[in-house]
Protein backbone atom coordinates (compact mmCIF):
# COMPACT_ATOMS: atom_id res chain seq x y z
CA UNK A 1 0.00 0.00 0.00
CA UNK A 2 2.77 2.45 0.89
CA UNK A 3 4.48 1.78 -2.45
CA UNK A 4 1.36 2.86 -4.35
CA UNK A 5 1.23 6.07 -2.27
CA UNK A 6 4.88 6.76 -3.02
CA UNK A 7 4.25 6.17 -6.73
CA UNK A 8 1.44 8.76 -6.55
CA UNK A 9 3.81 11.38 -5.12
CA UNK A 10 3.11 10.92 -1.40
CA UNK A 11 5.87 10.83 1.23
CA UNK A 12 5.75 9.69 4.84
CA UNK A 13 6.46 12.65 7.12
CA UNK A 14 8.98 11.86 9.85
CA UNK A 15 7.54 12.32 13.34
CA UNK A 16 9.05 11.05 16.57
CA UNK A 17 6.19 12.49 18.65
CA UNK A 18 2.60 11.37 19.09
CA UNK A 19 1.86 11.09 15.36
CA UNK A 20 4.72 8.61 15.05
CA UNK A 21 2.97 6.40 17.61
CA UNK A 22 -0.15 6.16 15.44
CA UNK A 23 1.74 5.12 12.31
CA UNK A 24 2.66 8.46 10.80
CA UNK A 25 0.96 10.58 8.18
CA UNK A 26 1.59 10.89 4.47
CA UNK A 27 1.82 14.21 2.63
CA UNK A 28 1.96 15.48 -0.93
CA UNK A 29 1.68 18.84 -2.62
CA UNK A 30 -0.42 19.15 -5.75
CA UNK A 31 -0.50 22.56 -7.44
CA UNK A 32 0.60 24.23 -4.19
CA UNK A 33 -2.11 22.54 -2.13
CA UNK A 34 -1.00 20.29 0.71
CA UNK A 35 -2.80 16.98 1.03
CA UNK A 36 -2.49 14.65 4.03
CA UNK A 37 -3.32 10.94 4.29
CA UNK A 38 -3.00 7.90 6.51
CA UNK A 39 -3.33 4.18 5.93
CA UNK A 40 -5.83 2.62 8.34
CA UNK A 41 -4.01 -0.13 10.25
CA UNK A 42 -5.04 -2.66 12.91
CA UNK A 43 -3.61 -0.34 15.60
CA UNK A 44 -6.34 2.17 14.62
CA UNK A 45 -9.24 -0.26 15.15
CA UNK A 46 -11.97 0.15 17.73
CA UNK A 47 -14.02 -2.70 19.24
CA UNK A 48 -16.25 -2.72 16.17
CA UNK A 49 -13.31 -3.48 13.87
CA UNK A 50 -13.31 -0.10 12.10
CA UNK A 51 -11.04 2.94 12.62
CA UNK A 52 -11.49 4.54 16.05
CA UNK A 53 -12.97 8.03 16.01
CA UNK A 54 -10.01 9.24 18.06
CA UNK A 55 -7.67 8.38 15.19
CA UNK A 56 -9.84 10.28 12.74
CA UNK A 57 -9.91 13.28 15.09
CA UNK A 58 -6.13 13.11 15.52
CA UNK A 59 -5.75 12.96 11.75
CA UNK A 60 -7.91 16.02 11.01
CA UNK A 61 -6.39 17.98 13.91
CA UNK A 62 -2.90 17.45 12.56
CA UNK A 63 -3.85 18.03 8.92
CA UNK A 64 -5.84 21.22 9.55
CA UNK A 65 -3.36 22.52 12.15
CA UNK A 66 -0.39 21.99 9.88
CA UNK A 67 -2.20 23.72 7.02
CA UNK A 68 -2.94 26.67 9.32
CA UNK A 69 0.67 26.98 10.44
CA UNK A 70 2.05 26.76 6.91
CA UNK A 71 -0.51 29.19 5.47
CA UNK A 72 0.32 31.75 8.16
CA UNK A 73 4.06 31.23 7.84
CA UNK A 74 4.13 30.53 11.57
CA UNK A 75 6.77 28.66 13.50
CA UNK A 76 4.25 26.96 15.82
CA UNK A 77 0.52 26.56 16.26
CA UNK A 78 -2.06 25.29 18.72
CA UNK A 79 -5.63 24.07 18.36
CA UNK A 80 -8.21 26.49 19.78
CA UNK A 81 -11.28 24.59 18.66
CA UNK A 82 -12.01 21.61 16.46
CA UNK A 83 -15.48 20.55 15.39
CA UNK A 84 -16.03 17.34 13.51
CA UNK A 85 -18.83 15.27 12.07
CA UNK A 86 -18.41 11.55 11.49
CA UNK A 87 -19.98 10.67 8.14
CA UNK A 88 -19.08 7.02 7.50
CA UNK A 89 -16.95 4.24 9.02
CA UNK A 90 -13.38 3.70 7.84
CA UNK A 91 -12.24 0.12 7.32
CA UNK A 92 -8.82 -1.25 8.11
CA UNK A 93 -6.70 -1.02 4.95
CA UNK A 94 -8.43 2.12 3.68
CA UNK A 95 -6.41 5.19 2.71
CA UNK A 96 -7.95 8.33 4.21
CA UNK A 97 -7.11 11.63 2.46
CA UNK A 98 -7.85 15.27 3.24
CA UNK A 99 -7.10 18.55 1.50
CA UNK A 100 -7.46 21.30 4.14
CA UNK A 101 -8.96 24.59 2.99
CA UNK A 102 -8.00 27.89 4.58
CA UNK A 103 -11.16 29.88 5.35
CA UNK A 104 -9.60 32.97 6.96
CA UNK A 105 -6.26 34.13 8.34
CA UNK A 106 -5.75 36.85 10.92
CA UNK A 107 -2.53 37.85 12.65
CA UNK A 108 -2.97 35.24 15.39
CA UNK A 109 -5.73 32.88 14.22
CA UNK A 110 -6.34 30.69 11.21
CA UNK A 111 -9.71 29.17 10.37
CA UNK A 112 -9.53 25.90 8.42
CA UNK A 113 -12.01 23.34 7.12
CA UNK A 114 -11.81 20.02 5.36
CA UNK A 115 -13.54 16.76 4.57
CA UNK A 116 -11.55 13.54 4.68
CA UNK A 117 -12.44 10.88 2.14
CA UNK A 118 -11.80 7.26 1.28
CA UNK A 119 -11.89 6.81 -2.51
CA UNK A 120 -13.73 10.15 -2.83
CA UNK A 121 -16.41 9.07 -0.29
CA UNK A 122 -16.58 11.50 2.69
CA UNK A 123 -15.87 9.91 6.09
CA UNK A 124 -15.32 12.89 8.43
CA UNK A 125 -15.82 16.62 8.06
CA UNK A 126 -14.05 19.13 10.31
CA UNK A 127 -13.71 22.83 11.01
CA UNK A 128 -10.97 24.23 13.22
CA UNK A 129 -9.57 27.42 14.65
CA UNK A 130 -5.82 27.46 15.27
CA UNK A 131 -3.67 29.98 17.14
CA UNK A 132 -0.41 30.61 15.31
CA UNK A 133 2.83 31.78 16.87
CA UNK A 134 5.42 33.70 14.91
CA UNK A 135 9.05 34.08 16.00
CA UNK A 136 8.40 37.47 17.59
CA UNK A 137 5.54 36.21 19.80
């Protein structure tokens, strides 16, 4: 599965923090737009045998937060609020992709939205507000 992602221009982002513990996230840039993905693995399963909602929330938090930080040119960022709506279950083996969309940027806040999909079928929708920190703050 990872080979097909690599062939499509995705790369696994290195992360020795929390995201590394959940298997890492994949990234690619298409026409200047950053896309983020993860491959649903057994470690992501809940008791029903599908991906745990906590993994999906972690995924959208990281994807939207990273988009906010990069769009603002900020060194760091923090989640202020994150709203999400679960739309469909994600099966083990699925590739979940999201293309975050910047809604608004102010000096200290970035508003971001996105819908994650599996094979173009929406599985979770999210809207977030992120505080960004520039070097002088």
